[in-house]
Amino acid sequence: MKTSTVAGVTAALCLSAWGLSVADVVQEKPGVIEAAAASITGTVQSIDYNTRMVTLAKPDGETVTMEVGPEAARFNEVKKGDKVKMDYLVSVAVMVQNPHDKIDTAEGTGTVIIRNKTKKPSGTAVQTHVVTATVEKINAKKRTAVLKGPDGHTFPIEIAPDVTNLENVKKGDQVVVKMTTSLAVTVSKP
């Protein structure tokens, strides 16, 4: 019994020396991961190689016009009448950390492009954005907060109803947001 009391007091003193309380260590901070996916198929109705604009006619007759970026290396091989399938996935992970916790993530953006060696152009692009903001104000009851981004600008946010443990978020906490998008495109002959 004496050993556990001494250990508890020693732990509390160590935490105090680091500027922490026992409550800081045991409180769980909020975190959430959301994802969504969409697919579109269509036939190339028109294509402008100079402006890199493509209009697709979907099976229901609706048309979608989009700009194709310079990453699409074989864009000149896409022809009117080609079939196009695009699969899009986005996921966002948000976690709150104490300001003294080491954040094991790199700020910035990373992109990977995989070009398939098929007769018609196809490939996948995956992009990840990571940003860390600081909690300037938090109102757990109203589910609102003001965050300060890495550029120094502040912005208000509303917090989704399914996010739990808001009572554990404090001014100065770090909010890490990681967003990953993936776009797979396949072009085939009609």
N, C-alpha and C. Protein backbone atom coordinates (compact mmCIF):
# COMPACT_ATOMS: atom_id res chain seq x y z
N MET A 1 0.83 -1.19 0.00
CA MET A 1 0.00 0.00 0.00
C MET A 1 0.87 1.25 0.00
N LYS A 2 1.95 1.25 0.85
CA LYS A 2 2.84 2.40 0.89
C LYS A 2 3.55 2.59 -0.45
N THR A 3 3.93 1.47 -1.10
CA THR A 3 4.63 1.56 -2.37
C THR A 3 3.76 2.24 -3.42
N SER A 4 2.46 1.88 -3.50
CA SER A 4 1.60 2.48 -4.51
C SER A 4 1.36 3.95 -4.21
N THR A 5 1.30 4.35 -2.94
CA THR A 5 1.12 5.75 -2.58
C THR A 5 2.37 6.54 -2.98
N VAL A 6 3.55 6.00 -2.69
CA VAL A 6 4.80 6.66 -3.05
C VAL A 6 4.90 6.78 -4.57
N ALA A 7 4.54 5.71 -5.30
CA ALA A 7 4.59 5.75 -6.76
C ALA A 7 3.62 6.80 -7.30
N GLY A 8 2.43 6.88 -6.71
CA GLY A 8 1.44 7.87 -7.15
C GLY A 8 1.92 9.28 -6.92
N VAL A 9 2.51 9.54 -5.76
CA VAL A 9 3.03 10.87 -5.44
C VAL A 9 4.21 11.20 -6.36
N THR A 10 5.09 10.21 -6.59
CA THR A 10 6.23 10.42 -7.48
C THR A 10 5.76 10.75 -8.90
N ALA A 11 4.76 10.01 -9.39
CA ALA A 11 4.22 10.28 -10.73
C ALA A 11 3.61 11.67 -10.79
N ALA A 12 2.86 12.06 -9.79
CA ALA A 12 2.24 13.39 -9.76
C ALA A 12 3.31 14.47 -9.75
N LEU A 13 4.41 14.28 -8.96
CA LEU A 13 5.50 15.26 -8.93
C LEU A 13 6.20 15.36 -10.28
N CYS A 14 6.41 14.21 -10.96
CA CYS A 14 7.05 14.22 -12.28
C CYS A 14 6.17 14.96 -13.29
N LEU A 15 4.89 14.66 -13.24
CA LEU A 15 3.96 15.34 -14.16
C LEU A 15 3.95 16.84 -13.88
N SER A 16 3.96 17.20 -12.62
CA SER A 16 3.96 18.61 -12.24
C SER A 16 5.21 19.31 -12.75
N ALA A 17 6.34 18.62 -12.70
CA ALA A 17 7.60 19.20 -13.18
C ALA A 17 7.53 19.47 -14.68
N TRP A 18 6.74 18.69 -15.41
CA TRP A 18 6.57 18.90 -16.85
C TRP A 18 5.42 19.85 -17.15
N GLY A 19 4.79 20.37 -16.12
CA GLY A 19 3.67 21.28 -16.33
C GLY A 19 2.36 20.55 -16.63
N LEU A 20 2.28 19.29 -16.22
CA LEU A 20 1.08 18.49 -16.48
C LEU A 20 0.39 18.11 -15.19
N SER A 21 -0.88 17.80 -15.31
CA SER A 21 -1.60 17.22 -14.18
C SER A 21 -2.00 15.81 -14.57
N VAL A 22 -2.40 15.03 -13.57
CA VAL A 22 -2.86 13.67 -13.86
C VAL A 22 -4.03 13.73 -14.82
N ALA A 23 -4.91 14.74 -14.68
CA ALA A 23 -6.06 14.89 -15.57
C ALA A 23 -5.64 15.09 -17.01
N ASP A 24 -4.51 15.79 -17.25
CA ASP A 24 -4.03 16.00 -18.61
C ASP A 24 -3.67 14.67 -19.27
N VAL A 25 -3.13 13.75 -18.50
CA VAL A 25 -2.66 12.49 -19.04
C VAL A 25 -3.82 11.55 -19.34
N VAL A 26 -4.83 11.51 -18.49
CA VAL A 26 -5.90 10.54 -18.66
C VAL A 26 -7.04 11.05 -19.52
N GLN A 27 -7.12 12.34 -19.81
CA GLN A 27 -8.20 12.86 -20.63
C GLN A 27 -7.98 12.51 -22.09
N GLU A 28 -9.00 11.98 -22.67
CA GLU A 28 -8.93 11.62 -24.07
C GLU A 28 -9.36 12.81 -24.92
N LYS A 29 -8.54 13.14 -25.90
CA LYS A 29 -8.84 14.24 -26.81
C LYS A 29 -9.67 13.70 -27.98
N PRO A 30 -10.48 14.56 -28.60
CA PRO A 30 -11.30 14.10 -29.72
C PRO A 30 -10.47 13.75 -30.95
N GLY A 31 -11.00 12.86 -31.72
CA GLY A 31 -10.42 12.50 -33.01
C GLY A 31 -11.51 11.89 -33.87
N VAL A 32 -11.42 12.09 -35.16
CA VAL A 32 -12.45 11.57 -36.05
C VAL A 32 -11.84 11.31 -37.43
N ILE A 33 -12.35 10.29 -38.08
CA ILE A 33 -11.95 9.99 -39.45
C ILE A 33 -13.22 9.86 -40.28
N GLU A 34 -13.29 10.55 -41.39
CA GLU A 34 -14.43 10.49 -42.29
C GLU A 34 -13.91 10.17 -43.68
N ALA A 35 -14.73 9.48 -44.47
CA ALA A 35 -14.34 9.16 -45.84
C ALA A 35 -15.58 9.17 -46.73
N ALA A 36 -15.37 9.47 -47.99
CA ALA A 36 -16.44 9.44 -48.97
C ALA A 36 -15.86 9.01 -50.31
N ALA A 37 -16.70 8.36 -51.11
CA ALA A 37 -16.25 7.90 -52.43
C ALA A 37 -17.31 8.24 -53.46
N ALA A 38 -16.86 8.44 -54.68
CA ALA A 38 -17.78 8.70 -55.79
C ALA A 38 -17.17 8.13 -57.06
N SER A 39 -18.03 7.74 -57.98
CA SER A 39 -17.58 7.24 -59.28
C SER A 39 -18.38 7.93 -60.37
N ILE A 40 -17.74 8.09 -61.49
CA ILE A 40 -18.43 8.65 -62.65
C ILE A 40 -17.92 7.91 -63.88
N THR A 41 -18.85 7.57 -64.75
CA THR A 41 -18.47 6.99 -66.03
C THR A 41 -19.14 7.82 -67.11
N GLY A 42 -18.51 7.90 -68.23
CA GLY A 42 -19.08 8.68 -69.31
C GLY A 42 -18.32 8.48 -70.60
N THR A 43 -18.83 9.11 -71.63
CA THR A 43 -18.23 9.07 -72.95
C THR A 43 -17.73 10.47 -73.29
N VAL A 44 -16.52 10.56 -73.82
CA VAL A 44 -15.97 11.86 -74.19
C VAL A 44 -16.85 12.44 -75.31
N GLN A 45 -17.51 13.54 -74.97
CA GLN A 45 -18.39 14.20 -75.93
C GLN A 45 -17.62 15.26 -76.72
N SER A 46 -16.75 15.99 -76.01
CA SER A 46 -15.89 16.96 -76.68
C SER A 46 -14.60 17.09 -75.90
N ILE A 47 -13.55 17.49 -76.62
CA ILE A 47 -12.24 17.63 -76.00
C ILE A 47 -11.49 18.78 -76.68
N ASP A 48 -10.89 19.65 -75.86
CA ASP A 48 -10.10 20.77 -76.38
C ASP A 48 -8.68 20.58 -75.86
N TYR A 49 -7.77 20.21 -76.74
CA TYR A 49 -6.40 19.90 -76.33
C TYR A 49 -5.63 21.15 -75.88
N ASN A 50 -5.99 22.32 -76.39
CA ASN A 50 -5.29 23.55 -76.01
C ASN A 50 -5.66 24.00 -74.60
N THR A 51 -6.95 23.98 -74.28
CA THR A 51 -7.39 24.42 -72.94
C THR A 51 -7.45 23.26 -71.96
N ARG A 52 -7.30 22.03 -72.46
CA ARG A 52 -7.34 20.79 -71.67
C ARG A 52 -8.71 20.61 -71.01
N MET A 53 -9.76 21.04 -71.70
CA MET A 53 -11.12 20.87 -71.22
C MET A 53 -11.76 19.66 -71.90
N VAL A 54 -12.45 18.84 -71.09
CA VAL A 54 -13.12 17.64 -71.60
C VAL A 54 -14.56 17.67 -71.11
N THR A 55 -15.49 17.34 -72.00
CA THR A 55 -16.89 17.19 -71.62
C THR A 55 -17.25 15.72 -71.76
N LEU A 56 -17.76 15.15 -70.65
CA LEU A 56 -18.20 13.76 -70.62
C LEU A 56 -19.73 13.72 -70.61
N ALA A 57 -20.30 12.80 -71.37
CA ALA A 57 -21.73 12.55 -71.32
C ALA A 57 -21.93 11.30 -70.45
N LYS A 58 -22.65 11.47 -69.33
CA LYS A 58 -22.91 10.34 -68.44
C LYS A 58 -24.04 9.49 -69.02
N PRO A 59 -24.17 8.25 -68.55
CA PRO A 59 -25.22 7.36 -69.08
C PRO A 59 -26.64 7.94 -68.96
N ASP A 60 -26.87 8.81 -67.96
CA ASP A 60 -28.21 9.40 -67.80
C ASP A 60 -28.43 10.62 -68.69
N GLY A 61 -27.43 10.96 -69.51
CA GLY A 61 -27.55 12.10 -70.42
C GLY A 61 -26.97 13.40 -69.89
N GLU A 62 -26.73 13.47 -68.61
CA GLU A 62 -26.12 14.67 -68.02
C GLU A 62 -24.68 14.79 -68.51
N THR A 63 -24.24 16.04 -68.71
CA THR A 63 -22.85 16.25 -69.13
C THR A 63 -22.06 16.89 -68.00
N VAL A 64 -20.78 16.57 -67.96
CA VAL A 64 -19.86 17.12 -66.97
C VAL A 64 -18.64 17.63 -67.73
N THR A 65 -18.29 18.90 -67.50
CA THR A 65 -17.11 19.47 -68.14
C THR A 65 -16.05 19.70 -67.09
N MET A 66 -14.81 19.32 -67.40
CA MET A 66 -13.73 19.47 -66.42
C MET A 66 -12.43 19.80 -67.13
N GLU A 67 -11.55 20.42 -66.37
CA GLU A 67 -10.20 20.71 -66.86
C GLU A 67 -9.29 19.58 -66.43
N VAL A 68 -8.46 19.10 -67.33
CA VAL A 68 -7.52 18.03 -67.04
C VAL A 68 -6.15 18.67 -66.86
N GLY A 69 -5.55 18.46 -65.71
CA GLY A 69 -4.27 19.08 -65.38
C GLY A 69 -3.10 18.53 -66.18
N PRO A 70 -1.97 19.22 -66.10
CA PRO A 70 -0.78 18.81 -66.86
C PRO A 70 -0.20 17.47 -66.40
N GLU A 71 -0.65 16.96 -65.25
CA GLU A 71 -0.17 15.66 -64.76
C GLU A 71 -0.59 14.53 -65.69
N ALA A 72 -1.70 14.74 -66.42
CA ALA A 72 -2.19 13.72 -67.36
C ALA A 72 -1.31 13.75 -68.60
N ALA A 73 -0.24 12.96 -68.56
CA ALA A 73 0.81 13.03 -69.57
C ALA A 73 0.36 12.58 -70.97
N ARG A 74 -0.60 11.69 -71.07
CA ARG A 74 -1.02 11.16 -72.37
C ARG A 74 -2.38 11.72 -72.79
N PHE A 75 -2.64 12.95 -72.38
CA PHE A 75 -3.93 13.59 -72.65
C PHE A 75 -4.24 13.62 -74.14
N ASN A 76 -3.23 13.81 -74.98
CA ASN A 76 -3.44 13.90 -76.43
C ASN A 76 -3.92 12.58 -77.04
N GLU A 77 -3.87 11.48 -76.29
CA GLU A 77 -4.33 10.19 -76.79
C GLU A 77 -5.82 9.96 -76.53
N VAL A 78 -6.44 10.81 -75.72
CA VAL A 78 -7.87 10.68 -75.45
C VAL A 78 -8.62 11.25 -76.64
N LYS A 79 -9.62 10.52 -77.11
CA LYS A 79 -10.36 10.92 -78.31
C LYS A 79 -11.86 11.00 -78.01
N LYS A 80 -12.56 11.79 -78.84
CA LYS A 80 -14.01 11.87 -78.75
C LYS A 80 -14.56 10.46 -78.95
N GLY A 81 -15.52 10.07 -78.10
CA GLY A 81 -16.11 8.74 -78.16
C GLY A 81 -15.49 7.75 -77.19
N ASP A 82 -14.30 8.05 -76.64
CA ASP A 82 -13.68 7.15 -75.65
C ASP A 82 -14.54 7.07 -74.39
N LYS A 83 -14.49 5.91 -73.74
CA LYS A 83 -15.17 5.70 -72.46
C LYS A 83 -14.20 6.07 -71.35
N VAL A 84 -14.71 6.78 -70.34
CA VAL A 84 -13.88 7.21 -69.22
C VAL A 84 -14.56 6.78 -67.92
N LYS A 85 -13.77 6.20 -67.02
CA LYS A 85 -14.26 5.86 -65.68
C LYS A 85 -13.34 6.53 -64.68
N MET A 86 -13.94 7.26 -63.73
CA MET A 86 -13.17 7.92 -62.67
C MET A 86 -13.71 7.49 -61.31
N ASP A 87 -12.81 7.09 -60.45
CA ASP A 87 -13.15 6.75 -59.06
C ASP A 87 -12.42 7.74 -58.16
N TYR A 88 -13.19 8.41 -57.30
CA TYR A 88 -12.64 9.44 -56.43
C TYR A 88 -12.89 9.05 -54.98
N LEU A 89 -11.88 9.17 -54.15
CA LEU A 89 -11.98 8.87 -52.73
C LEU A 89 -11.33 10.00 -51.96
N VAL A 90 -12.00 10.44 -50.91
CA VAL A 90 -11.41 11.45 -50.03
C VAL A 90 -11.59 10.97 -48.59
N SER A 91 -10.54 11.13 -47.80
CA SER A 91 -10.64 10.82 -46.38
C SER A 91 -9.98 11.96 -45.60
N VAL A 92 -10.58 12.25 -44.45
CA VAL A 92 -10.07 13.31 -43.59
C VAL A 92 -9.95 12.75 -42.18
N ALA A 93 -8.77 12.89 -41.62
CA ALA A 93 -8.54 12.49 -40.22
C ALA A 93 -8.21 13.74 -39.43
N VAL A 94 -8.90 13.93 -38.32
CA VAL A 94 -8.68 15.09 -37.46
C VAL A 94 -8.42 14.56 -36.06
N MET A 95 -7.33 15.04 -35.44
CA MET A 95 -7.06 14.65 -34.06
C MET A 95 -6.58 15.86 -33.29
N VAL A 96 -6.93 15.88 -32.02
CA VAL A 96 -6.53 16.96 -31.14
C VAL A 96 -5.47 16.42 -30.20
N GLN A 97 -4.39 17.20 -30.04
CA GLN A 97 -3.30 16.79 -29.16
C GLN A 97 -2.97 17.92 -28.19
N ASN A 98 -2.44 17.54 -27.04
CA ASN A 98 -1.96 18.54 -26.10
C ASN A 98 -0.83 19.33 -26.76
N PRO A 99 -0.67 20.61 -26.40
CA PRO A 99 0.38 21.41 -27.04
C PRO A 99 1.79 20.90 -26.75
N HIS A 100 1.99 20.17 -25.65
CA HIS A 100 3.32 19.67 -25.32
C HIS A 100 3.61 18.31 -25.96
N ASP A 101 2.59 17.69 -26.59
CA ASP A 101 2.82 16.41 -27.26
C ASP A 101 3.61 16.64 -28.54
N LYS A 102 4.50 15.71 -28.82
CA LYS A 102 5.24 15.78 -30.08
C LYS A 102 4.30 15.32 -31.19
N ILE A 103 4.18 16.11 -32.23
CA ILE A 103 3.32 15.76 -33.35
C ILE A 103 4.16 15.05 -34.39
N ASP A 104 3.87 13.77 -34.60
CA ASP A 104 4.64 12.94 -35.52
C ASP A 104 4.07 13.00 -36.93
N THR A 105 4.07 14.16 -37.51
CA THR A 105 3.56 14.31 -38.87
C THR A 105 4.25 15.48 -39.53
N ALA A 106 4.36 15.42 -40.82
CA ALA A 106 4.99 16.50 -41.55
C ALA A 106 3.93 17.43 -42.12
N GLU A 107 4.15 18.73 -42.00
CA GLU A 107 3.25 19.70 -42.59
C GLU A 107 3.49 19.72 -44.09
N GLY A 108 2.45 19.99 -44.84
CA GLY A 108 2.63 20.18 -46.27
C GLY A 108 1.79 19.23 -47.10
N THR A 109 2.20 19.08 -48.35
CA THR A 109 1.45 18.30 -49.32
C THR A 109 2.39 17.34 -50.02
N GLY A 110 1.91 16.13 -50.22
CA GLY A 110 2.66 15.14 -50.98
C GLY A 110 1.78 14.53 -52.04
N THR A 111 2.32 14.29 -53.22
CA THR A 111 1.55 13.73 -54.32
C THR A 111 2.30 12.56 -54.93
N VAL A 112 1.55 11.50 -55.24
CA VAL A 112 2.10 10.34 -55.94
C VAL A 112 1.22 10.11 -57.17
N ILE A 113 1.84 9.98 -58.32
CA ILE A 113 1.11 9.70 -59.55
C ILE A 113 1.63 8.39 -60.14
N ILE A 114 0.69 7.49 -60.44
CA ILE A 114 1.03 6.21 -61.04
C ILE A 114 0.40 6.18 -62.42
N ARG A 115 1.23 6.10 -63.43
CA ARG A 115 0.74 6.05 -64.81
C ARG A 115 0.83 4.61 -65.30
N ASN A 116 -0.32 4.08 -65.71
CA ASN A 116 -0.34 2.71 -66.21
C ASN A 116 0.13 2.67 -67.66
N LYS A 117 0.77 1.58 -68.03
CA LYS A 117 1.28 1.42 -69.40
C LYS A 117 0.29 0.58 -70.20
N THR A 118 -0.89 1.15 -70.41
CA THR A 118 -1.92 0.48 -71.19
C THR A 118 -2.07 1.18 -72.53
N LYS A 119 -2.86 0.59 -73.43
CA LYS A 119 -3.03 1.20 -74.76
C LYS A 119 -3.63 2.60 -74.65
N LYS A 120 -4.62 2.75 -73.79
CA LYS A 120 -5.24 4.06 -73.57
C LYS A 120 -4.72 4.60 -72.23
N PRO A 121 -4.71 5.92 -72.07
CA PRO A 121 -4.21 6.50 -70.81
C PRO A 121 -5.03 6.03 -69.60
N SER A 122 -4.34 5.76 -68.52
CA SER A 122 -4.98 5.45 -67.24
C SER A 122 -3.95 5.63 -66.14
N GLY A 123 -4.45 5.84 -64.94
CA GLY A 123 -3.54 5.99 -63.81
C GLY A 123 -4.26 6.42 -62.56
N THR A 124 -3.49 6.62 -61.53
CA THR A 124 -4.02 7.01 -60.23
C THR A 124 -3.15 8.11 -59.65
N ALA A 125 -3.81 9.10 -59.08
CA ALA A 125 -3.10 10.17 -58.37
C ALA A 125 -3.58 10.18 -56.94
N VAL A 126 -2.64 10.19 -56.00
CA VAL A 126 -2.96 10.25 -54.57
C VAL A 126 -2.27 11.47 -54.00
N GLN A 127 -3.03 12.29 -53.29
CA GLN A 127 -2.46 13.50 -52.71
C GLN A 127 -2.84 13.58 -51.24
N THR A 128 -1.87 13.94 -50.42
CA THR A 128 -2.10 14.08 -48.98
C THR A 128 -1.70 15.48 -48.54
N HIS A 129 -2.59 16.11 -47.79
CA HIS A 129 -2.33 17.43 -47.20
C HIS A 129 -2.34 17.26 -45.69
N VAL A 130 -1.36 17.84 -45.01
CA VAL A 130 -1.33 17.82 -43.55
C VAL A 130 -1.13 19.24 -43.06
N VAL A 131 -1.97 19.64 -42.12
CA VAL A 131 -1.85 20.98 -41.55
C VAL A 131 -2.16 20.89 -40.05
N THR A 132 -1.49 21.72 -39.27
CA THR A 132 -1.72 21.77 -37.83
C THR A 132 -2.17 23.18 -37.47
N ALA A 133 -3.24 23.25 -36.69
CA ALA A 133 -3.76 24.53 -36.22
C ALA A 133 -3.78 24.49 -34.70
N THR A 134 -3.86 25.68 -34.09
CA THR A 134 -3.89 25.79 -32.63
C THR A 134 -5.26 26.28 -32.19
N VAL A 135 -5.80 25.67 -31.13
CA VAL A 135 -7.09 26.10 -30.58
C VAL A 135 -6.89 27.43 -29.87
N GLU A 136 -7.58 28.45 -30.35
CA GLU A 136 -7.55 29.78 -29.72
C GLU A 136 -8.70 29.93 -28.73
N LYS A 137 -9.89 29.42 -29.11
CA LYS A 137 -11.08 29.46 -28.26
C LYS A 137 -11.86 28.18 -28.50
N ILE A 138 -12.55 27.70 -27.46
CA ILE A 138 -13.39 26.52 -27.60
C ILE A 138 -14.64 26.71 -26.74
N ASN A 139 -15.80 26.39 -27.29
CA ASN A 139 -17.06 26.40 -26.55
C ASN A 139 -17.70 25.04 -26.79
N ALA A 140 -17.47 24.12 -25.86
CA ALA A 140 -17.95 22.75 -26.01
C ALA A 140 -19.47 22.69 -26.05
N LYS A 141 -20.15 23.52 -25.28
CA LYS A 141 -21.62 23.49 -25.26
C LYS A 141 -22.20 23.95 -26.60
N LYS A 142 -21.64 24.99 -27.18
CA LYS A 142 -22.14 25.49 -28.47
C LYS A 142 -21.52 24.75 -29.65
N ARG A 143 -20.51 23.91 -29.37
CA ARG A 143 -19.81 23.12 -30.37
C ARG A 143 -19.16 24.02 -31.43
N THR A 144 -18.47 25.05 -30.93
CA THR A 144 -17.74 25.97 -31.82
C THR A 144 -16.33 26.15 -31.29
N ALA A 145 -15.44 26.55 -32.20
CA ALA A 145 -14.06 26.82 -31.81
C ALA A 145 -13.49 27.85 -32.77
N VAL A 146 -12.42 28.48 -32.34
CA VAL A 146 -11.65 29.36 -33.21
C VAL A 146 -10.26 28.76 -33.26
N LEU A 147 -9.78 28.50 -34.49
CA LEU A 147 -8.46 27.91 -34.68
C LEU A 147 -7.53 28.92 -35.32
N LYS A 148 -6.24 28.78 -35.03
CA LYS A 148 -5.22 29.62 -35.64
C LYS A 148 -4.34 28.72 -36.50
N GLY A 149 -4.32 29.03 -37.81
CA GLY A 149 -3.56 28.21 -38.74
C GLY A 149 -2.08 28.50 -38.69
N PRO A 150 -1.29 27.72 -39.41
CA PRO A 150 0.16 27.91 -39.41
C PRO A 150 0.59 29.25 -40.00
N ASP A 151 -0.32 29.88 -40.78
CA ASP A 151 -0.02 31.19 -41.36
C ASP A 151 -0.36 32.34 -40.42
N GLY A 152 -0.90 32.01 -39.22
CA GLY A 152 -1.24 33.03 -38.23
C GLY A 152 -2.66 33.53 -38.30
N HIS A 153 -3.39 33.18 -39.34
CA HIS A 153 -4.78 33.61 -39.47
C HIS A 153 -5.69 32.74 -38.60
N THR A 154 -6.71 33.36 -38.03
CA THR A 154 -7.68 32.61 -37.24
C THR A 154 -8.96 32.43 -38.05
N PHE A 155 -9.67 31.33 -37.74
CA PHE A 155 -10.93 31.06 -38.42
C PHE A 155 -11.84 30.27 -37.49
N PRO A 156 -13.15 30.62 -37.53
CA PRO A 156 -14.11 29.90 -36.68
C PRO A 156 -14.52 28.59 -37.34
N ILE A 157 -14.83 27.59 -36.52
CA ILE A 157 -15.34 26.32 -37.04
C ILE A 157 -16.52 25.88 -36.19
N GLU A 158 -17.40 25.11 -36.81
CA GLU A 158 -18.47 24.42 -36.08
C GLU A 158 -18.05 22.97 -35.96
N ILE A 159 -18.35 22.35 -34.83
CA ILE A 159 -17.90 20.99 -34.56
C ILE A 159 -19.09 20.04 -34.71
N ALA A 160 -18.90 18.99 -35.48
CA ALA A 160 -19.97 18.04 -35.77
C ALA A 160 -20.52 17.42 -34.49
N PRO A 161 -21.80 17.07 -34.50
CA PRO A 161 -22.43 16.52 -33.30
C PRO A 161 -21.86 15.17 -32.86
N ASP A 162 -21.25 14.41 -33.76
CA ASP A 162 -20.74 13.10 -33.38
C ASP A 162 -19.32 13.13 -32.79
N VAL A 163 -18.71 14.31 -32.72
CA VAL A 163 -17.38 14.43 -32.11
C VAL A 163 -17.54 14.43 -30.60
N THR A 164 -16.83 13.52 -29.94
CA THR A 164 -16.95 13.38 -28.48
C THR A 164 -15.73 13.96 -27.78
N ASN A 165 -15.79 14.09 -26.49
CA ASN A 165 -14.70 14.53 -25.61
C ASN A 165 -14.32 15.99 -25.81
N LEU A 166 -15.25 16.81 -26.26
CA LEU A 166 -14.94 18.24 -26.45
C LEU A 166 -14.57 18.92 -25.14
N GLU A 167 -15.11 18.41 -24.05
CA GLU A 167 -14.80 19.01 -22.74
C GLU A 167 -13.32 18.90 -22.40
N ASN A 168 -12.59 18.05 -23.11
CA ASN A 168 -11.17 17.87 -22.86
C ASN A 168 -10.28 18.75 -23.74
N VAL A 169 -10.89 19.52 -24.63
CA VAL A 169 -10.12 20.40 -25.52
C VAL A 169 -9.91 21.73 -24.82
N LYS A 170 -8.69 22.19 -24.83
CA LYS A 170 -8.32 23.44 -24.14
C LYS A 170 -7.64 24.39 -25.11
N LYS A 171 -7.65 25.66 -24.76
CA LYS A 171 -6.93 26.66 -25.54
C LYS A 171 -5.46 26.23 -25.59
N GLY A 172 -4.86 26.31 -26.78
CA GLY A 172 -3.47 25.92 -26.95
C GLY A 172 -3.29 24.51 -27.50
N ASP A 173 -4.35 23.67 -27.42
CA ASP A 173 -4.25 22.33 -27.99
C ASP A 173 -3.99 22.43 -29.49
N GLN A 174 -3.36 21.39 -30.03
CA GLN A 174 -3.05 21.33 -31.45
C GLN A 174 -4.08 20.47 -32.17
N VAL A 175 -4.58 20.94 -33.30
CA VAL A 175 -5.51 20.18 -34.13
C VAL A 175 -4.76 19.80 -35.41
N VAL A 176 -4.57 18.50 -35.62
CA VAL A 176 -3.87 18.02 -36.80
C VAL A 176 -4.91 17.48 -37.78
N VAL A 177 -4.89 18.01 -39.00
CA VAL A 177 -5.82 17.58 -40.04
C VAL A 177 -5.02 16.96 -41.18
N LYS A 178 -5.40 15.74 -41.54
CA LYS A 178 -4.74 15.04 -42.64
C LYS A 178 -5.82 14.65 -43.64
N MET A 179 -5.73 15.21 -44.85
CA MET A 179 -6.71 14.91 -45.89
C MET A 179 -6.00 14.19 -47.03
N THR A 180 -6.56 13.06 -47.43
CA THR A 180 -6.01 12.28 -48.53
C THR A 180 -7.07 12.14 -49.61
N THR A 181 -6.68 12.44 -50.84
CA THR A 181 -7.58 12.25 -51.97
C THR A 181 -6.92 11.30 -52.96
N SER A 182 -7.76 10.54 -53.62
CA SER A 182 -7.28 9.59 -54.61
C SER A 182 -8.22 9.66 -55.81
N LEU A 183 -7.64 9.76 -57.00
CA LEU A 183 -8.41 9.78 -58.24
C LEU A 183 -7.80 8.76 -59.19
N ALA A 184 -8.62 7.77 -59.54
CA ALA A 184 -8.19 6.76 -60.51
C ALA A 184 -8.99 6.98 -61.79
N VAL A 185 -8.29 7.06 -62.91
CA VAL A 185 -8.92 7.30 -64.21
C VAL A 185 -8.53 6.19 -65.18
N THR A 186 -9.54 5.67 -65.87
CA THR A 186 -9.31 4.66 -66.90
C THR A 186 -10.02 5.11 -68.17
N VAL A 187 -9.30 5.11 -69.27
CA VAL A 187 -9.86 5.46 -70.58
C VAL A 187 -9.84 4.20 -71.43
N SER A 188 -10.96 3.92 -72.10
CA SER A 188 -11.02 2.75 -72.97
C SER A 188 -11.73 3.10 -74.27
N LYS A 189 -11.54 2.26 -75.27
CA LYS A 189 -12.21 2.47 -76.55
C LYS A 189 -13.69 2.16 -76.38
N PRO A 190 -14.53 2.79 -77.20
CA PRO A 190 -15.98 2.55 -77.10
C PRO A 190 -16.36 1.10 -77.40
